[in-house]
N, C-alpha and C. Protein backbone atom coordinates (compact mmCIF):
# COMPACT_ATOMS: atom_id res chain seq x y z
N UNK A 1 -60.57 39.84 -148.53
CA UNK A 1 -60.63 39.99 -149.96
C UNK A 1 -59.33 39.53 -150.63
N UNK A 2 -58.21 39.87 -150.04
CA UNK A 2 -56.92 39.49 -150.59
C UNK A 2 -56.26 38.36 -149.82
N UNK A 3 -57.03 37.65 -149.04
CA UNK A 3 -56.48 36.62 -148.17
C UNK A 3 -55.68 35.57 -148.95
N UNK A 4 -56.18 35.15 -150.11
CA UNK A 4 -55.48 34.15 -150.90
C UNK A 4 -54.13 34.62 -151.39
N UNK A 5 -54.06 35.86 -151.84
CA UNK A 5 -52.80 36.40 -152.33
C UNK A 5 -51.81 36.58 -151.18
N UNK A 6 -52.28 37.10 -150.07
CA UNK A 6 -51.42 37.28 -148.91
C UNK A 6 -50.91 35.94 -148.41
N UNK A 7 -51.79 34.96 -148.34
CA UNK A 7 -51.39 33.63 -147.88
C UNK A 7 -50.40 33.01 -148.87
N UNK A 8 -50.62 33.18 -150.15
CA UNK A 8 -49.69 32.66 -151.14
C UNK A 8 -48.30 33.26 -150.99
N UNK A 9 -48.22 34.55 -150.76
CA UNK A 9 -46.92 35.20 -150.52
C UNK A 9 -46.28 34.68 -149.24
N UNK A 10 -47.09 34.49 -148.21
CA UNK A 10 -46.59 33.93 -146.95
C UNK A 10 -46.00 32.54 -147.17
N UNK A 11 -46.68 31.71 -147.93
CA UNK A 11 -46.19 30.37 -148.24
C UNK A 11 -44.86 30.44 -148.98
N UNK A 12 -44.78 31.27 -149.99
CA UNK A 12 -43.56 31.42 -150.77
C UNK A 12 -42.39 31.87 -149.90
N UNK A 13 -42.61 32.85 -149.07
CA UNK A 13 -41.55 33.38 -148.21
C UNK A 13 -41.12 32.34 -147.17
N UNK A 14 -42.07 31.68 -146.53
CA UNK A 14 -41.70 30.72 -145.49
C UNK A 14 -40.98 29.50 -146.06
N UNK A 15 -41.36 29.05 -147.24
CA UNK A 15 -40.66 27.92 -147.84
C UNK A 15 -39.21 28.30 -148.12
N UNK A 16 -39.00 29.51 -148.64
CA UNK A 16 -37.64 29.98 -148.89
C UNK A 16 -36.83 30.09 -147.61
N UNK A 17 -37.44 30.65 -146.58
CA UNK A 17 -36.73 30.79 -145.29
C UNK A 17 -36.41 29.43 -144.70
N UNK A 18 -37.36 28.52 -144.72
CA UNK A 18 -37.14 27.20 -144.14
C UNK A 18 -36.09 26.41 -144.91
N UNK A 19 -36.00 26.61 -146.22
CA UNK A 19 -34.97 25.93 -147.01
C UNK A 19 -33.58 26.33 -146.51
N UNK A 20 -33.36 27.62 -146.37
CA UNK A 20 -32.08 28.13 -145.88
C UNK A 20 -31.87 27.69 -144.43
N UNK A 21 -32.91 27.75 -143.63
CA UNK A 21 -32.83 27.37 -142.22
C UNK A 21 -32.40 25.92 -142.05
N UNK A 22 -32.99 25.03 -142.82
CA UNK A 22 -32.63 23.61 -142.74
C UNK A 22 -31.16 23.40 -143.07
N UNK A 23 -30.70 24.02 -144.14
CA UNK A 23 -29.30 23.85 -144.56
C UNK A 23 -28.36 24.37 -143.48
N UNK A 24 -28.61 25.56 -142.98
CA UNK A 24 -27.72 26.16 -141.97
C UNK A 24 -27.78 25.43 -140.64
N UNK A 25 -28.97 25.05 -140.19
CA UNK A 25 -29.08 24.33 -138.92
C UNK A 25 -28.40 22.97 -138.98
N UNK A 26 -28.62 22.24 -140.06
CA UNK A 26 -28.00 20.92 -140.18
C UNK A 26 -26.49 21.05 -140.27
N UNK A 27 -26.02 22.04 -140.96
CA UNK A 27 -24.58 22.27 -141.09
C UNK A 27 -23.95 22.61 -139.74
N UNK A 28 -24.64 23.40 -138.94
CA UNK A 28 -24.10 23.86 -137.66
C UNK A 28 -24.31 22.89 -136.50
N UNK A 29 -25.49 22.26 -136.45
CA UNK A 29 -25.86 21.47 -135.27
C UNK A 29 -26.15 20.00 -135.55
N UNK A 30 -26.11 19.58 -136.79
CA UNK A 30 -26.50 18.21 -137.11
C UNK A 30 -28.01 18.14 -137.22
N UNK A 31 -28.56 16.97 -136.95
CA UNK A 31 -30.01 16.79 -137.15
C UNK A 31 -30.84 16.97 -135.88
N UNK A 32 -30.23 17.21 -134.73
CA UNK A 32 -31.03 17.26 -133.50
C UNK A 32 -32.12 18.32 -133.50
N UNK A 33 -32.01 19.45 -134.27
CA UNK A 33 -33.13 20.41 -134.26
C UNK A 33 -34.46 19.85 -134.76
N UNK A 34 -34.45 18.62 -135.30
CA UNK A 34 -35.72 18.03 -135.74
C UNK A 34 -36.71 17.95 -134.60
N UNK A 35 -36.22 17.81 -133.37
CA UNK A 35 -37.12 17.74 -132.21
C UNK A 35 -37.90 19.04 -132.02
N UNK A 36 -37.24 20.15 -132.25
CA UNK A 36 -37.89 21.45 -132.13
C UNK A 36 -38.97 21.60 -133.21
N UNK A 37 -38.62 21.22 -134.45
CA UNK A 37 -39.60 21.31 -135.54
C UNK A 37 -40.78 20.37 -135.29
N UNK A 38 -40.52 19.20 -134.74
CA UNK A 38 -41.61 18.27 -134.42
C UNK A 38 -42.54 18.88 -133.37
N UNK A 39 -41.97 19.45 -132.32
CA UNK A 39 -42.79 20.06 -131.26
C UNK A 39 -43.62 21.22 -131.81
N UNK A 40 -42.99 22.08 -132.59
CA UNK A 40 -43.72 23.21 -133.18
C UNK A 40 -44.83 22.70 -134.10
N UNK A 41 -44.52 21.69 -134.91
CA UNK A 41 -45.52 21.13 -135.81
C UNK A 41 -46.71 20.56 -135.08
N UNK A 42 -46.46 19.82 -134.01
CA UNK A 42 -47.57 19.23 -133.25
C UNK A 42 -48.40 20.28 -132.54
N UNK A 43 -47.74 21.32 -132.04
CA UNK A 43 -48.48 22.42 -131.40
C UNK A 43 -49.37 23.11 -132.44
N UNK A 44 -48.83 23.32 -133.63
CA UNK A 44 -49.61 23.96 -134.69
C UNK A 44 -50.78 23.09 -135.15
N UNK A 45 -50.59 21.77 -135.17
CA UNK A 45 -51.71 20.88 -135.49
C UNK A 45 -52.83 21.07 -134.48
N UNK A 46 -52.47 21.09 -133.20
CA UNK A 46 -53.46 21.28 -132.15
C UNK A 46 -54.17 22.63 -132.30
N UNK A 47 -53.38 23.68 -132.53
CA UNK A 47 -53.97 25.01 -132.67
C UNK A 47 -54.87 25.11 -133.90
N UNK A 48 -54.50 24.43 -134.97
CA UNK A 48 -55.35 24.41 -136.15
C UNK A 48 -56.67 23.71 -135.87
N UNK A 49 -56.58 22.62 -135.15
CA UNK A 49 -57.77 21.84 -134.80
C UNK A 49 -58.71 22.64 -133.89
N UNK A 50 -58.13 23.44 -133.00
CA UNK A 50 -58.91 24.19 -132.02
C UNK A 50 -59.28 25.60 -132.48
N UNK A 51 -58.84 26.00 -133.64
CA UNK A 51 -59.04 27.37 -134.11
C UNK A 51 -60.52 27.69 -134.34
N UNK A 52 -60.94 28.87 -133.92
CA UNK A 52 -62.35 29.24 -134.09
C UNK A 52 -62.72 29.67 -135.51
N UNK A 53 -61.73 30.03 -136.33
CA UNK A 53 -62.07 30.48 -137.69
C UNK A 53 -61.33 29.63 -138.73
N UNK A 54 -61.90 29.56 -139.91
CA UNK A 54 -61.29 28.77 -140.98
C UNK A 54 -59.97 29.37 -141.43
N UNK A 55 -59.88 30.69 -141.48
CA UNK A 55 -58.64 31.34 -141.91
C UNK A 55 -57.50 31.02 -140.95
N UNK A 56 -57.77 31.12 -139.66
CA UNK A 56 -56.74 30.79 -138.67
C UNK A 56 -56.39 29.31 -138.69
N UNK A 57 -57.39 28.48 -138.87
CA UNK A 57 -57.16 27.04 -138.96
C UNK A 57 -56.26 26.72 -140.15
N UNK A 58 -56.51 27.37 -141.27
CA UNK A 58 -55.67 27.18 -142.46
C UNK A 58 -54.25 27.62 -142.18
N UNK A 59 -54.08 28.77 -141.55
CA UNK A 59 -52.75 29.31 -141.24
C UNK A 59 -52.00 28.38 -140.30
N UNK A 60 -52.64 27.96 -139.22
CA UNK A 60 -52.00 27.03 -138.28
C UNK A 60 -51.71 25.69 -138.94
N UNK A 61 -52.62 25.21 -139.77
CA UNK A 61 -52.42 23.94 -140.46
C UNK A 61 -51.24 23.99 -141.40
N UNK A 62 -51.13 25.06 -142.16
CA UNK A 62 -49.97 25.20 -143.04
C UNK A 62 -48.68 25.20 -142.23
N UNK A 63 -48.64 25.98 -141.15
CA UNK A 63 -47.43 26.02 -140.32
C UNK A 63 -47.13 24.67 -139.69
N UNK A 64 -48.17 23.92 -139.36
CA UNK A 64 -47.98 22.59 -138.80
C UNK A 64 -47.25 21.69 -139.79
N UNK A 65 -47.75 21.64 -141.00
CA UNK A 65 -47.15 20.73 -141.98
C UNK A 65 -45.83 21.25 -142.53
N UNK A 66 -45.64 22.56 -142.51
CA UNK A 66 -44.33 23.12 -142.86
C UNK A 66 -43.27 22.62 -141.87
N UNK A 67 -43.59 22.67 -140.60
CA UNK A 67 -42.65 22.22 -139.57
C UNK A 67 -42.50 20.71 -139.56
N UNK A 68 -43.57 19.98 -139.77
CA UNK A 68 -43.47 18.52 -139.79
C UNK A 68 -42.67 18.05 -141.01
N UNK A 69 -42.83 18.70 -142.14
CA UNK A 69 -42.05 18.35 -143.33
C UNK A 69 -40.57 18.67 -143.10
N UNK A 70 -40.30 19.70 -142.32
CA UNK A 70 -38.92 20.08 -142.02
C UNK A 70 -38.20 18.99 -141.24
N UNK A 71 -38.92 18.23 -140.44
CA UNK A 71 -38.31 17.09 -139.74
C UNK A 71 -37.68 16.14 -140.77
N UNK A 72 -38.43 15.80 -141.79
CA UNK A 72 -37.93 14.92 -142.86
C UNK A 72 -36.75 15.58 -143.58
N UNK A 73 -36.88 16.86 -143.86
CA UNK A 73 -35.84 17.56 -144.61
C UNK A 73 -34.53 17.65 -143.83
N UNK A 74 -34.60 17.70 -142.50
CA UNK A 74 -33.36 17.73 -141.70
C UNK A 74 -32.53 16.47 -141.98
N UNK A 75 -33.19 15.32 -142.02
CA UNK A 75 -32.48 14.07 -142.26
C UNK A 75 -32.06 13.94 -143.73
N UNK A 76 -32.90 14.42 -144.63
CA UNK A 76 -32.53 14.40 -146.05
C UNK A 76 -31.34 15.31 -146.32
N UNK A 77 -31.28 16.44 -145.63
CA UNK A 77 -30.16 17.36 -145.81
C UNK A 77 -28.86 16.72 -145.37
N UNK A 78 -28.92 15.97 -144.28
CA UNK A 78 -27.70 15.26 -143.83
C UNK A 78 -27.23 14.31 -144.91
N UNK A 79 -28.13 13.57 -145.52
CA UNK A 79 -27.76 12.64 -146.59
C UNK A 79 -27.18 13.37 -147.80
N UNK A 80 -27.79 14.48 -148.15
CA UNK A 80 -27.28 15.27 -149.29
C UNK A 80 -25.88 15.78 -149.00
N UNK A 81 -25.66 16.26 -147.78
CA UNK A 81 -24.34 16.79 -147.42
C UNK A 81 -23.30 15.70 -147.41
N UNK A 82 -23.64 14.51 -146.90
CA UNK A 82 -22.68 13.41 -146.86
C UNK A 82 -22.37 12.88 -148.25
N UNK A 83 -23.35 12.86 -149.13
CA UNK A 83 -23.12 12.40 -150.51
C UNK A 83 -22.27 13.38 -151.30
N UNK A 84 -22.32 14.64 -150.90
CA UNK A 84 -21.58 15.67 -151.60
C UNK A 84 -20.07 15.52 -151.38
N UNK A 85 -19.68 14.95 -150.27
CA UNK A 85 -18.26 14.80 -149.93
C UNK A 85 -17.57 13.83 -150.80
């Protein structure tokens, strides 16, 4: 009944967490963590594809693209940090 509201809150929270995570990881380790985000994203794509329910498929799909987008953001963050200097 409240799945949409709960999912919306989950999206809002995870986007905020991932924003901070990208900045801190790139600052501490450079861009190499992109490999971890790529692996997690691809695993989530597979799990979304294989999910028995639409709700779980949606959840896994969102997590897949959140992690895959983070790969791009890791490299963008490096550019933003270098331009800031």
